[in-house]
Amino acid sequence: MSEDVRWVTVLPDEELLEGDFLDVDIDGRAVLLLRLIGGTVKAFQATCPHQGSLLADGDWDTESNVLTCPSHLWEFDVRDGRGVNPQNCRLREYPVRLNGDRLDIAVPAGTGTTSH
């Protein structure tokens, strides 16, 4: 990571099952949290870069790992955040770690101090 980050605990690991995704709020920053089939947890910006629609309101095909925005059907590969349609966009990804039995997300260090 090139910028300074701080780790924020967001929820117990057991609360995010394989194939589930949800929005979490980290000091006013909306983050989309997903658990891929196989157990990998990913975190991305929670809104579509096109017009800011909440991606958690969209559809996620767990077989292809494509998340579709509910507003204009933009598609993203949730393994890495790259745009599928259109291809010239990308979701901002946040690092995730397992800290004991809780999930932590790294956010830029300049954001607030709330911990969950």
PDB file of N, CA and C in Angstrom:
ATOM      1  N   MET A   1       0.842  -1.176   0.000  1.00  0.00           N
ATOM      2  CA  MET A   1       0.000   0.000   0.000  1.00  0.00           C
ATOM      3  C   MET A   1       0.882   1.232   0.000  1.00  0.00           C
ATOM      4  N   SER A   2       0.554   2.170  -0.843  1.00  0.00           N
ATOM      5  CA  SER A   2       1.397   3.345  -0.969  1.00  0.00           C
ATOM      6  C   SER A   2       1.009   4.447   0.009  1.00  0.00           C
ATOM      7  N   GLU A   3      -0.206   4.477   0.505  1.00  0.00           N
ATOM      8  CA  GLU A   3      -0.615   5.521   1.433  1.00  0.00           C
ATOM      9  C   GLU A   3      -0.670   4.980   2.863  1.00  0.00           C
ATOM     10  N   ASP A   4      -0.622   5.911   3.835  1.00  0.00           N
ATOM     11  CA  ASP A   4      -0.745   5.503   5.223  1.00  0.00           C
ATOM     12  C   ASP A   4      -2.175   5.060   5.497  1.00  0.00           C
ATOM     13  N   VAL A   5      -2.314   3.936   6.172  1.00  0.00           N
ATOM     14  CA  VAL A   5      -3.647   3.408   6.468  1.00  0.00           C
ATOM     15  C   VAL A   5      -3.768   3.107   7.955  1.00  0.00           C
ATOM     16  N   ARG A   6      -4.989   2.944   8.387  1.00  0.00           N
ATOM     17  CA  ARG A   6      -5.266   2.443   9.719  1.00  0.00           C
ATOM     18  C   ARG A   6      -6.283   1.323   9.562  1.00  0.00           C
ATOM     19  N   TRP A   7      -6.191   0.346  10.433  1.00  0.00           N
ATOM     20  CA  TRP A   7      -7.079  -0.815  10.381  1.00  0.00           C
ATOM     21  C   TRP A   7      -8.259  -0.579  11.304  1.00  0.00           C
ATOM     22  N   VAL A   8      -9.467  -0.853  10.799  1.00  0.00           N
ATOM     23  CA  VAL A   8     -10.699  -0.678  11.554  1.00  0.00           C
ATOM     24  C   VAL A   8     -11.439  -2.011  11.591  1.00  0.00           C
ATOM     25  N   THR A   9     -11.795  -2.458  12.778  1.00  0.00           N
ATOM     26  CA  THR A   9     -12.588  -3.675  12.919  1.00  0.00           C
ATOM     27  C   THR A   9     -14.023  -3.363  12.515  1.00  0.00           C
ATOM     28  N   VAL A  10     -14.593  -4.197  11.620  1.00  0.00           N
ATOM     29  CA  VAL A  10     -15.937  -3.907  11.116  1.00  0.00           C
ATOM     30  C   VAL A  10     -17.005  -4.883  11.588  1.00  0.00           C
ATOM     31  N   LEU A  11     -16.685  -6.160  11.764  1.00  0.00           N
ATOM     32  CA  LEU A  11     -17.673  -7.113  12.245  1.00  0.00           C
ATOM     33  C   LEU A  11     -17.023  -8.453  12.535  1.00  0.00           C
ATOM     34  N   PRO A  12     -17.729  -9.292  13.284  1.00  0.00           N
ATOM     35  CA  PRO A  12     -17.209 -10.646  13.522  1.00  0.00           C
ATOM     36  C   PRO A  12     -17.140 -11.423  12.199  1.00  0.00           C
ATOM     37  N   ASP A  13     -16.089 -12.186  12.023  1.00  0.00           N
ATOM     38  CA  ASP A  13     -15.879 -12.965  10.808  1.00  0.00           C
ATOM     39  C   ASP A  13     -17.074 -13.860  10.498  1.00  0.00           C
ATOM     40  N   GLU A  14     -17.666 -14.462  11.517  1.00  0.00           N
ATOM     41  CA  GLU A  14     -18.774 -15.411  11.316  1.00  0.00           C
ATOM     42  C   GLU A  14     -20.037 -14.753  10.765  1.00  0.00           C
ATOM     43  N   GLU A  15     -20.142 -13.416  10.801  1.00  0.00           N
ATOM     44  CA  GLU A  15     -21.340 -12.733  10.319  1.00  0.00           C
ATOM     45  C   GLU A  15     -21.386 -12.582   8.803  1.00  0.00           C
ATOM     46  N   LEU A  16     -20.263 -12.833   8.122  1.00  0.00           N
ATOM     47  CA  LEU A  16     -20.235 -12.716   6.669  1.00  0.00           C
ATOM     48  C   LEU A  16     -20.012 -14.101   6.072  1.00  0.00           C
ATOM     49  N   LEU A  17     -21.093 -14.695   5.573  1.00  0.00           N
ATOM     50  CA  LEU A  17     -21.039 -16.044   5.018  1.00  0.00           C
ATOM     51  C   LEU A  17     -20.605 -16.017   3.560  1.00  0.00           C
ATOM     52  N   GLU A  18     -20.143 -17.153   3.050  1.00  0.00           N
ATOM     53  CA  GLU A  18     -19.782 -17.252   1.640  1.00  0.00           C
ATOM     54  C   GLU A  18     -20.979 -16.860   0.777  1.00  0.00           C
ATOM     55  N   GLY A  19     -20.726 -16.020  -0.213  1.00  0.00           N
ATOM     56  CA  GLY A  19     -21.776 -15.571  -1.120  1.00  0.00           C
ATOM     57  C   GLY A  19     -22.560 -14.382  -0.609  1.00  0.00           C
ATOM     58  N   ASP A  20     -22.223 -13.872   0.584  1.00  0.00           N
ATOM     59  CA  ASP A  20     -22.904 -12.700   1.143  1.00  0.00           C
ATOM     60  C   ASP A  20     -22.122 -11.429   0.848  1.00  0.00           C
ATOM     61  N   PHE A  21     -22.846 -10.324   0.762  1.00  0.00           N
ATOM     62  CA  PHE A  21     -22.218  -9.024   0.644  1.00  0.00           C
ATOM     63  C   PHE A  21     -23.085  -7.987   1.328  1.00  0.00           C
ATOM     64  N   LEU A  22     -22.431  -6.956   1.884  1.00  0.00           N
ATOM     65  CA  LEU A  22     -23.153  -5.919   2.618  1.00  0.00           C
ATOM     66  C   LEU A  22     -22.327  -4.652   2.660  1.00  0.00           C
ATOM     67  N   ASP A  23     -23.023  -3.547   2.926  1.00  0.00           N
ATOM     68  CA  ASP A  23     -22.356  -2.266   3.118  1.00  0.00           C
ATOM     69  C   ASP A  23     -21.993  -2.111   4.575  1.00  0.00           C
ATOM     70  N   VAL A  24     -20.822  -1.567   4.836  1.00  0.00           N
ATOM     71  CA  VAL A  24     -20.442  -1.177   6.190  1.00  0.00           C
ATOM     72  C   VAL A  24     -20.023   0.288   6.128  1.00  0.00           C
ATOM     73  N   ASP A  25     -20.204   0.986   7.235  1.00  0.00           N
ATOM     74  CA  ASP A  25     -19.828   2.385   7.324  1.00  0.00           C
ATOM     75  C   ASP A  25     -18.579   2.492   8.185  1.00  0.00           C
ATOM     76  N   ILE A  26     -17.552   3.102   7.633  1.00  0.00           N
ATOM     77  CA  ILE A  26     -16.321   3.337   8.387  1.00  0.00           C
ATOM     78  C   ILE A  26     -16.113   4.841   8.422  1.00  0.00           C
ATOM     79  N   ASP A  27     -16.539   5.455   9.526  1.00  0.00           N
ATOM     80  CA  ASP A  27     -16.365   6.893   9.705  1.00  0.00           C
ATOM     81  C   ASP A  27     -16.932   7.690   8.539  1.00  0.00           C
ATOM     82  N   GLY A  28     -18.119   7.309   8.072  1.00  0.00           N
ATOM     83  CA  GLY A  28     -18.764   8.012   6.979  1.00  0.00           C
ATOM     84  C   GLY A  28     -18.360   7.545   5.597  1.00  0.00           C
ATOM     85  N   ARG A  29     -17.435   6.605   5.517  1.00  0.00           N
ATOM     86  CA  ARG A  29     -17.004   6.041   4.234  1.00  0.00           C
ATOM     87  C   ARG A  29     -17.758   4.725   4.034  1.00  0.00           C
ATOM     88  N   ALA A  30     -18.543   4.648   2.960  1.00  0.00           N
ATOM     89  CA  ALA A  30     -19.293   3.428   2.661  1.00  0.00           C
ATOM     90  C   ALA A  30     -18.379   2.423   1.969  1.00  0.00           C
ATOM     91  N   VAL A  31     -18.333   1.213   2.527  1.00  0.00           N
ATOM     92  CA  VAL A  31     -17.476   0.145   1.999  1.00  0.00           C
ATOM     93  C   VAL A  31     -18.337  -1.093   1.772  1.00  0.00           C
ATOM     94  N   LEU A  32     -18.155  -1.731   0.620  1.00  0.00           N
ATOM     95  CA  LEU A  32     -18.841  -2.973   0.291  1.00  0.00           C
ATOM     96  C   LEU A  32     -17.949  -4.134   0.706  1.00  0.00           C
ATOM     97  N   LEU A  33     -18.481  -5.013   1.523  1.00  0.00           N
ATOM     98  CA  LEU A  33     -17.737  -6.165   2.027  1.00  0.00           C
ATOM     99  C   LEU A  33     -18.375  -7.419   1.453  1.00  0.00           C
ATOM    100  N   LEU A  34     -17.558  -8.324   0.889  1.00  0.00           N
ATOM    101  CA  LEU A  34     -18.056  -9.555   0.265  1.00  0.00           C
ATOM    102  C   LEU A  34     -17.206 -10.737   0.689  1.00  0.00           C
ATOM    103  N   ARG A  35     -17.846 -11.909   0.789  1.00  0.00           N
ATOM    104  CA  ARG A  35     -17.081 -13.149   0.987  1.00  0.00           C
ATOM    105  C   ARG A  35     -17.318 -14.022  -0.239  1.00  0.00           C
ATOM    106  N   LEU A  36     -16.248 -14.193  -1.018  1.00  0.00           N
ATOM    107  CA  LEU A  36     -16.316 -15.016  -2.224  1.00  0.00           C
ATOM    108  C   LEU A  36     -16.530 -16.481  -1.851  1.00  0.00           C
ATOM    109  N   ILE A  37     -17.037 -17.248  -2.801  1.00  0.00           N
ATOM    110  CA  ILE A  37     -17.122 -18.682  -2.618  1.00  0.00           C
ATOM    111  C   ILE A  37     -15.677 -19.180  -2.483  1.00  0.00           C
ATOM    112  N   GLY A  38     -15.409 -19.930  -1.454  1.00  0.00           N
ATOM    113  CA  GLY A  38     -14.049 -20.346  -1.147  1.00  0.00           C
ATOM    114  C   GLY A  38     -13.510 -19.644   0.084  1.00  0.00           C
ATOM    115  N   GLY A  39     -14.177 -18.556   0.512  1.00  0.00           N
ATOM    116  CA  GLY A  39     -13.845 -17.920   1.776  1.00  0.00           C
ATOM    117  C   GLY A  39     -13.104 -16.606   1.738  1.00  0.00           C
ATOM    118  N   THR A  40     -12.545 -16.208   0.591  1.00  0.00           N
ATOM    119  CA  THR A  40     -11.810 -14.946   0.528  1.00  0.00           C
ATOM    120  C   THR A  40     -12.747 -13.770   0.766  1.00  0.00           C
ATOM    121  N   VAL A  41     -12.319 -12.832   1.620  1.00  0.00           N
ATOM    122  CA  VAL A  41     -13.105 -11.632   1.898  1.00  0.00           C
ATOM    123  C   VAL A  41     -12.486 -10.463   1.140  1.00  0.00           C
ATOM    124  N   LYS A  42     -13.339  -9.678   0.483  1.00  0.00           N
ATOM    125  CA  LYS A  42     -12.905  -8.515  -0.284  1.00  0.00           C
ATOM    126  C   LYS A  42     -13.683  -7.295   0.187  1.00  0.00           C
ATOM    127  N   ALA A  43     -13.069  -6.114   0.032  1.00  0.00           N
ATOM    128  CA  ALA A  43     -13.731  -4.850   0.370  1.00  0.00           C
ATOM    129  C   ALA A  43     -13.448  -3.842  -0.744  1.00  0.00           C
ATOM    130  N   PHE A  44     -14.506  -3.161  -1.175  1.00  0.00           N
ATOM    131  CA  PHE A  44     -14.408  -2.166  -2.249  1.00  0.00           C
ATOM    132  C   PHE A  44     -15.233  -0.942  -1.883  1.00  0.00           C
ATOM    133  N   GLN A  45     -15.029   0.124  -2.647  1.00  0.00           N
ATOM    134  CA  GLN A  45     -15.925   1.271  -2.508  1.00  0.00           C
ATOM    135  C   GLN A  45     -17.341   0.751  -2.689  1.00  0.00           C
ATOM    136  N   ALA A  46     -18.292   1.308  -1.949  1.00  0.00           N
ATOM    137  CA  ALA A  46     -19.657   0.771  -1.943  1.00  0.00           C
ATOM    138  C   ALA A  46     -20.543   1.324  -3.041  1.00  0.00           C
ATOM    139  N   THR A  47     -20.048   2.323  -3.764  1.00  0.00           N
ATOM    140  CA  THR A  47     -20.869   2.940  -4.794  1.00  0.00           C
ATOM    141  C   THR A  47     -20.250   2.775  -6.174  1.00  0.00           C
ATOM    142  N   CYS A  48     -21.104   2.693  -7.158  1.00  0.00           N
ATOM    143  CA  CYS A  48     -20.664   2.572  -8.547  1.00  0.00           C
ATOM    144  C   CYS A  48     -19.978   3.874  -8.970  1.00  0.00           C
ATOM    145  N   PRO A  49     -18.838   3.785  -9.657  1.00  0.00           N
ATOM    146  CA  PRO A  49     -18.164   5.001 -10.094  1.00  0.00           C
ATOM    147  C   PRO A  49     -18.933   5.773 -11.169  1.00  0.00           C
ATOM    148  N   HIS A  50     -19.934   5.154 -11.754  1.00  0.00           N
ATOM    149  CA  HIS A  50     -20.699   5.809 -12.808  1.00  0.00           C
ATOM    150  C   HIS A  50     -21.556   6.936 -12.246  1.00  0.00           C
ATOM    151  N   GLN A  51     -22.503   6.598 -11.365  1.00  0.00           N
ATOM    152  CA  GLN A  51     -23.389   7.623 -10.815  1.00  0.00           C
ATOM    153  C   GLN A  51     -23.668   7.432  -9.332  1.00  0.00           C
ATOM    154  N   GLY A  52     -22.834   6.669  -8.651  1.00  0.00           N
ATOM    155  CA  GLY A  52     -22.925   6.587  -7.202  1.00  0.00           C
ATOM    156  C   GLY A  52     -23.995   5.668  -6.639  1.00  0.00           C
ATOM    157  N   SER A  53     -24.560   4.802  -7.443  1.00  0.00           N
ATOM    158  CA  SER A  53     -25.572   3.866  -6.935  1.00  0.00           C
ATOM    159  C   SER A  53     -24.931   2.876  -5.973  1.00  0.00           C
ATOM    160  N   LEU A  54     -25.687   2.466  -4.956  1.00  0.00           N
ATOM    161  CA  LEU A  54     -25.176   1.490  -3.987  1.00  0.00           C
ATOM    162  C   LEU A  54     -25.061   0.112  -4.634  1.00  0.00           C
ATOM    163  N   LEU A  55     -23.857  -0.414  -4.652  1.00  0.00           N
ATOM    164  CA  LEU A  55     -23.622  -1.713  -5.280  1.00  0.00           C
ATOM    165  C   LEU A  55     -24.257  -2.853  -4.499  1.00  0.00           C
ATOM    166  N   ALA A  56     -24.476  -2.690  -3.196  1.00  0.00           N
ATOM    167  CA  ALA A  56     -25.123  -3.735  -2.400  1.00  0.00           C
ATOM    168  C   ALA A  56     -26.581  -3.934  -2.822  1.00  0.00           C
ATOM    169  N   ASP A  57     -27.144  -2.983  -3.563  1.00  0.00           N
ATOM    170  CA  ASP A  57     -28.497  -3.128  -4.097  1.00  0.00           C
ATOM    171  C   ASP A  57     -28.497  -3.846  -5.435  1.00  0.00           C
ATOM    172  N   GLY A  58     -27.314  -4.183  -5.941  1.00  0.00           N
ATOM    173  CA  GLY A  58     -27.193  -4.844  -7.232  1.00  0.00           C
ATOM    174  C   GLY A  58     -27.235  -6.355  -7.092  1.00  0.00           C
ATOM    175  N   ASP A  59     -26.853  -7.021  -8.156  1.00  0.00           N
ATOM    176  CA  ASP A  59     -26.847  -8.484  -8.204  1.00  0.00           C
ATOM    177  C   ASP A  59     -25.422  -8.987  -8.318  1.00  0.00           C
ATOM    178  N   TRP A  60     -25.128 -10.048  -7.564  1.00  0.00           N
ATOM    179  CA  TRP A  60     -23.807 -10.669  -7.611  1.00  0.00           C
ATOM    180  C   TRP A  60     -23.968 -12.117  -8.032  1.00  0.00           C
ATOM    181  N   ASP A  61     -23.361 -12.455  -9.164  1.00  0.00           N
ATOM    182  CA  ASP A  61     -23.325 -13.834  -9.643  1.00  0.00           C
ATOM    183  C   ASP A  61     -22.085 -14.472  -9.036  1.00  0.00           C
ATOM    184  N   THR A  62     -22.280 -15.347  -8.047  1.00  0.00           N
ATOM    185  CA  THR A  62     -21.142 -15.922  -7.326  1.00  0.00           C
ATOM    186  C   THR A  62     -20.344 -16.922  -8.170  1.00  0.00           C
ATOM    187  N   GLU A  63     -20.922 -17.401  -9.260  1.00  0.00           N
ATOM    188  CA  GLU A  63     -20.176 -18.313 -10.134  1.00  0.00           C
ATOM    189  C   GLU A  63     -19.183 -17.559 -11.011  1.00  0.00           C
ATOM    190  N   SER A  64     -19.612 -16.435 -11.571  1.00  0.00           N
ATOM    191  CA  SER A  64     -18.730 -15.650 -12.443  1.00  0.00           C
ATOM    192  C   SER A  64     -17.983 -14.569 -11.667  1.00  0.00           C
ATOM    193  N   ASN A  65     -18.402 -14.313 -10.418  1.00  0.00           N
ATOM    194  CA  ASN A  65     -17.857 -13.250  -9.578  1.00  0.00           C
ATOM    195  C   ASN A  65     -18.097 -11.864 -10.159  1.00  0.00           C
ATOM    196  N   VAL A  66     -19.182 -11.702 -10.908  1.00  0.00           N
ATOM    197  CA  VAL A  66     -19.536 -10.410 -11.483  1.00  0.00           C
ATOM    198  C   VAL A  66     -20.655  -9.779 -10.657  1.00  0.00           C
ATOM    199  N   LEU A  67     -20.400  -8.547 -10.211  1.00  0.00           N
ATOM    200  CA  LEU A  67     -21.370  -7.742  -9.483  1.00  0.00           C
ATOM    201  C   LEU A  67     -21.923  -6.712 -10.456  1.00  0.00           C
ATOM    202  N   THR A  68     -23.249  -6.629 -10.561  1.00  0.00           N
ATOM    203  CA  THR A  68     -23.903  -5.719 -11.494  1.00  0.00           C
ATOM    204  C   THR A  68     -24.575  -4.595 -10.743  1.00  0.00           C
ATOM    205  N   CYS A  69     -24.256  -3.368 -11.124  1.00  0.00           N
ATOM    206  CA  CYS A  69     -24.859  -2.180 -10.517  1.00  0.00           C
ATOM    207  C   CYS A  69     -26.359  -2.172 -10.813  1.00  0.00           C
ATOM    208  N   PRO A  70     -27.192  -1.802  -9.809  1.00  0.00           N
ATOM    209  CA  PRO A  70     -28.637  -1.831 -10.019  1.00  0.00           C
ATOM    210  C   PRO A  70     -29.153  -0.727 -10.942  1.00  0.00           C
ATOM    211  N   SER A  71     -28.410   0.347 -11.129  1.00  0.00           N
ATOM    212  CA  SER A  71     -28.942   1.490 -11.884  1.00  0.00           C
ATOM    213  C   SER A  71     -28.741   1.386 -13.390  1.00  0.00           C
ATOM    214  N   HIS A  72     -27.517   1.184 -13.825  1.00  0.00           N
ATOM    215  CA  HIS A  72     -27.244   1.186 -15.262  1.00  0.00           C
ATOM    216  C   HIS A  72     -26.496  -0.055 -15.724  1.00  0.00           C
ATOM    217  N   LEU A  73     -26.503  -1.086 -14.857  1.00  0.00           N
ATOM    218  CA  LEU A  73     -25.990  -2.408 -15.199  1.00  0.00           C
ATOM    219  C   LEU A  73     -24.491  -2.455 -15.497  1.00  0.00           C
ATOM    220  N   TRP A  74     -23.718  -1.509 -14.932  1.00  0.00           N
ATOM    221  CA  TRP A  74     -22.269  -1.640 -15.026  1.00  0.00           C
ATOM    222  C   TRP A  74     -21.872  -2.898 -14.264  1.00  0.00           C
ATOM    223  N   GLU A  75     -20.829  -3.583 -14.726  1.00  0.00           N
ATOM    224  CA  GLU A  75     -20.415  -4.847 -14.130  1.00  0.00           C
ATOM    225  C   GLU A  75     -18.964  -4.785 -13.661  1.00  0.00           C
ATOM    226  N   PHE A  76     -18.715  -5.438 -12.510  1.00  0.00           N
ATOM    227  CA  PHE A  76     -17.389  -5.447 -11.906  1.00  0.00           C
ATOM    228  C   PHE A  76     -17.032  -6.860 -11.457  1.00  0.00           C
ATOM    229  N   ASP A  77     -15.773  -7.233 -11.653  1.00  0.00           N
ATOM    230  CA  ASP A  77     -15.265  -8.512 -11.171  1.00  0.00           C
ATOM    231  C   ASP A  77     -14.854  -8.313  -9.716  1.00  0.00           C
ATOM    232  N   VAL A  78     -15.525  -8.989  -8.786  1.00  0.00           N
ATOM    233  CA  VAL A  78     -15.262  -8.767  -7.364  1.00  0.00           C
ATOM    234  C   VAL A  78     -14.020  -9.494  -6.855  1.00  0.00           C
ATOM    235  N   ARG A  79     -13.320 -10.185  -7.719  1.00  0.00           N
ATOM    236  CA  ARG A  79     -12.041 -10.756  -7.306  1.00  0.00           C
ATOM    237  C   ARG A  79     -10.964  -9.675  -7.253  1.00  0.00           C
ATOM    238  N   ASP A  80     -11.090  -8.641  -8.107  1.00  0.00           N
ATOM    239  CA  ASP A  80     -10.058  -7.595  -8.143  1.00  0.00           C
ATOM    240  C   ASP A  80     -10.614  -6.188  -8.356  1.00  0.00           C
ATOM    241  N   GLY A  81     -11.915  -6.044  -8.557  1.00  0.00           N
ATOM    242  CA  GLY A  81     -12.536  -4.726  -8.709  1.00  0.00           C
ATOM    243  C   GLY A  81     -12.519  -4.165 -10.113  1.00  0.00           C
ATOM    244  N   ARG A  82     -11.946  -4.888 -11.069  1.00  0.00           N
ATOM    245  CA  ARG A  82     -11.859  -4.341 -12.421  1.00  0.00           C
ATOM    246  C   ARG A  82     -13.231  -4.314 -13.093  1.00  0.00           C
ATOM    247  N   GLY A  83     -13.390  -3.326 -13.973  1.00  0.00           N
ATOM    248  CA  GLY A  83     -14.627  -3.223 -14.727  1.00  0.00           C
ATOM    249  C   GLY A  83     -14.702  -4.308 -15.781  1.00  0.00           C
ATOM    250  N   VAL A  84     -15.865  -4.925 -15.898  1.00  0.00           N
ATOM    251  CA  VAL A  84     -16.122  -5.920 -16.938  1.00  0.00           C
ATOM    252  C   VAL A  84     -16.857  -5.235 -18.084  1.00  0.00           C
ATOM    253  N   ASN A  85     -17.837  -4.400 -17.727  1.00  0.00           N
ATOM    254  CA  ASN A  85     -18.609  -3.645 -18.710  1.00  0.00           C
ATOM    255  C   ASN A  85     -19.057  -2.341 -18.066  1.00  0.00           C
ATOM    256  N   PRO A  86     -18.389  -1.226 -18.359  1.00  0.00           N
ATOM    257  CA  PRO A  86     -17.271  -1.067 -19.280  1.00  0.00           C
ATOM    258  C   PRO A  86     -15.948  -1.509 -18.646  1.00  0.00           C
ATOM    259  N   GLN A  87     -14.971  -1.717 -19.483  1.00  0.00           N
ATOM    260  CA  GLN A  87     -13.680  -2.214 -19.020  1.00  0.00           C
ATOM    261  C   GLN A  87     -12.751  -1.110 -18.531  1.00  0.00           C
ATOM    262  N   ASN A  88     -13.059   0.135 -18.806  1.00  0.00           N
ATOM    263  CA  ASN A  88     -12.149   1.233 -18.476  1.00  0.00           C
ATOM    264  C   ASN A  88     -12.420   1.848 -17.098  1.00  0.00           C
ATOM    265  N   CYS A  89     -12.950   1.066 -16.176  1.00  0.00           N
ATOM    266  CA  CYS A  89     -13.195   1.563 -14.821  1.00  0.00           C
ATOM    267  C   CYS A  89     -12.757   0.494 -13.823  1.00  0.00           C
ATOM    268  N   ARG A  90     -12.707   0.887 -12.567  1.00  0.00           N
ATOM    269  CA  ARG A  90     -12.261  -0.047 -11.525  1.00  0.00           C
ATOM    270  C   ARG A  90     -12.811   0.443 -10.195  1.00  0.00           C
ATOM    271  N   LEU A  91     -13.168  -0.504  -9.330  1.00  0.00           N
ATOM    272  CA  LEU A  91     -13.583  -0.162  -7.971  1.00  0.00           C
ATOM    273  C   LEU A  91     -12.342  -0.013  -7.098  1.00  0.00           C
ATOM    274  N   ARG A  92     -12.375   0.947  -6.200  1.00  0.00           N
ATOM    275  CA  ARG A  92     -11.278   1.079  -5.237  1.00  0.00           C
ATOM    276  C   ARG A  92     -11.381  -0.083  -4.258  1.00  0.00           C
ATOM    277  N   GLU A  93     -10.264  -0.769  -4.080  1.00  0.00           N
ATOM    278  CA  GLU A  93     -10.238  -1.910  -3.161  1.00  0.00           C
ATOM    279  C   GLU A  93      -9.560  -1.507  -1.862  1.00  0.00           C
ATOM    280  N   TYR A  94     -10.079  -2.031  -0.754  1.00  0.00           N
ATOM    281  CA  TYR A  94      -9.494  -1.814   0.561  1.00  0.00           C
ATOM    282  C   TYR A  94      -8.960  -3.146   1.075  1.00  0.00           C
ATOM    283  N   PRO A  95      -7.762  -3.155   1.644  1.00  0.00           N
ATOM    284  CA  PRO A  95      -7.222  -4.390   2.218  1.00  0.00           C
ATOM    285  C   PRO A  95      -8.100  -4.887   3.373  1.00  0.00           C
ATOM    286  N   VAL A  96      -8.195  -6.210   3.482  1.00  0.00           N
ATOM    287  CA  VAL A  96      -8.977  -6.861   4.535  1.00  0.00           C
ATOM    288  C   VAL A  96      -8.064  -7.856   5.246  1.00  0.00           C
ATOM    289  N   ARG A  97      -8.231  -7.973   6.556  1.00  0.00           N
ATOM    290  CA  ARG A  97      -7.486  -8.994   7.299  1.00  0.00           C
ATOM    291  C   ARG A  97      -8.384  -9.592   8.367  1.00  0.00           C
ATOM    292  N   LEU A  98      -8.068 -10.826   8.732  1.00  0.00           N
ATOM    293  CA  LEU A  98      -8.728 -11.485   9.849  1.00  0.00           C
ATOM    294  C   LEU A  98      -7.885 -11.196  11.081  1.00  0.00           C
ATOM    295  N   ASN A  99      -8.526 -10.617  12.091  1.00  0.00           N
ATOM    296  CA  ASN A  99      -7.857 -10.247  13.334  1.00  0.00           C
ATOM    297  C   ASN A  99      -8.539 -11.021  14.456  1.00  0.00           C
ATOM    298  N   GLY A 100      -7.997 -12.202  14.769  1.00  0.00           N
ATOM    299  CA  GLY A 100      -8.686 -13.082  15.715  1.00  0.00           C
ATOM    300  C   GLY A 100      -9.938 -13.605  15.061  1.00  0.00           C
ATOM    301  N   ASP A 101     -11.097 -13.268  15.625  1.00  0.00           N
ATOM    302  CA  ASP A 101     -12.372 -13.697  15.041  1.00  0.00           C
ATOM    303  C   ASP A 101     -13.134 -12.528  14.427  1.00  0.00           C
ATOM    304  N   ARG A 102     -12.423 -11.428  14.133  1.00  0.00           N
ATOM    305  CA  ARG A 102     -13.055 -10.231  13.576  1.00  0.00           C
ATOM    306  C   ARG A 102     -12.390  -9.842  12.265  1.00  0.00           C
ATOM    307  N   LEU A 103     -13.167  -9.177  11.399  1.00  0.00           N
ATOM    308  CA  LEU A 103     -12.648  -8.685  10.129  1.00  0.00           C
ATOM    309  C   LEU A 103     -12.270  -7.218  10.263  1.00  0.00           C
ATOM    310  N   ASP A 104     -11.081  -6.886   9.796  1.00  0.00           N
ATOM    311  CA  ASP A 104     -10.591  -5.512   9.771  1.00  0.00           C
ATOM    312  C   ASP A 104     -10.453  -5.059   8.329  1.00  0.00           C
ATOM    313  N   ILE A 105     -10.684  -3.760   8.091  1.00  0.00           N
ATOM    314  CA  ILE A 105     -10.485  -3.139   6.787  1.00  0.00           C
ATOM    315  C   ILE A 105      -9.512  -1.981   6.970  1.00  0.00           C
ATOM    316  N   ALA A 106      -8.573  -1.834   6.039  1.00  0.00           N
ATOM    317  CA  ALA A 106      -7.629  -0.719   6.074  1.00  0.00           C
ATOM    318  C   ALA A 106      -8.207   0.451   5.275  1.00  0.00           C
ATOM    319  N   VAL A 107      -8.277   1.607   5.931  1.00  0.00           N
ATOM    320  CA  VAL A 107      -8.753   2.830   5.287  1.00  0.00           C
ATOM    321  C   VAL A 107      -7.664   3.896   5.394  1.00  0.00           C
ATOM    322  N   PRO A 108      -7.699   4.913   4.546  1.00  0.00           N
ATOM    323  CA  PRO A 108      -6.694   5.970   4.649  1.00  0.00           C
ATOM    324  C   PRO A 108      -6.623   6.513   6.069  1.00  0.00           C
ATOM    325  N   ALA A 109      -5.415   6.753   6.551  1.00  0.00           N
ATOM    326  CA  ALA A 109      -5.187   7.148   7.946  1.00  0.00           C
ATOM    327  C   ALA A 109      -5.857   8.463   8.320  1.00  0.00           C
ATOM    328  N   GLY A 110      -6.152   9.315   7.377  1.00  0.00           N
ATOM    329  CA  GLY A 110      -6.752  10.617   7.682  1.00  0.00           C
ATOM    330  C   GLY A 110      -8.225  10.567   8.040  1.00  0.00           C
ATOM    331  N   THR A 111      -8.890   9.413   7.918  1.00  0.00           N
ATOM    332  CA  THR A 111     -10.306   9.348   8.234  1.00  0.00           C
ATOM    333  C   THR A 111     -10.478   9.156   9.723  1.00  0.00           C
ATOM    334  N   GLY A 112     -11.621   9.531  10.269  1.00  0.00           N
ATOM    335  CA  GLY A 112     -11.947   9.540  11.703  1.00  0.00           C
ATOM    336  C   GLY A 112     -11.341   8.463  12.572  1.00  0.00           C
ATOM    337  N   THR A 113     -11.912   8.252  13.731  1.00  0.00           N
ATOM    338  CA  THR A 113     -11.321   7.330  14.706  1.00  0.00           C
ATOM    339  C   THR A 113     -12.301   6.302  15.229  1.00  0.00           C
ATOM    340  N   THR A 114     -13.472   6.197  14.640  1.00  0.00           N
ATOM    341  CA  THR A 114     -14.467   5.261  15.138  1.00  0.00           C
ATOM    342  C   THR A 114     -14.024   3.823  14.923  1.00  0.00           C
ATOM    343  N   SER A 115     -14.191   2.973  15.927  1.00  0.00           N
ATOM    344  CA  SER A 115     -13.915   1.549  15.807  1.00  0.00           C
ATOM    345  C   SER A 115     -15.192   0.792  16.144  1.00  0.00           C
ATOM    346  N   HIS A 116     -15.428  -0.328  15.496  1.00  0.00           N
ATOM    347  CA  HIS A 116     -16.671  -1.105  15.708  1.00  0.00           C
ATOM    348  C   HIS A 116     -16.383  -2.310  16.550  1.00  0.00           C
TER     349      HIS A 116
END
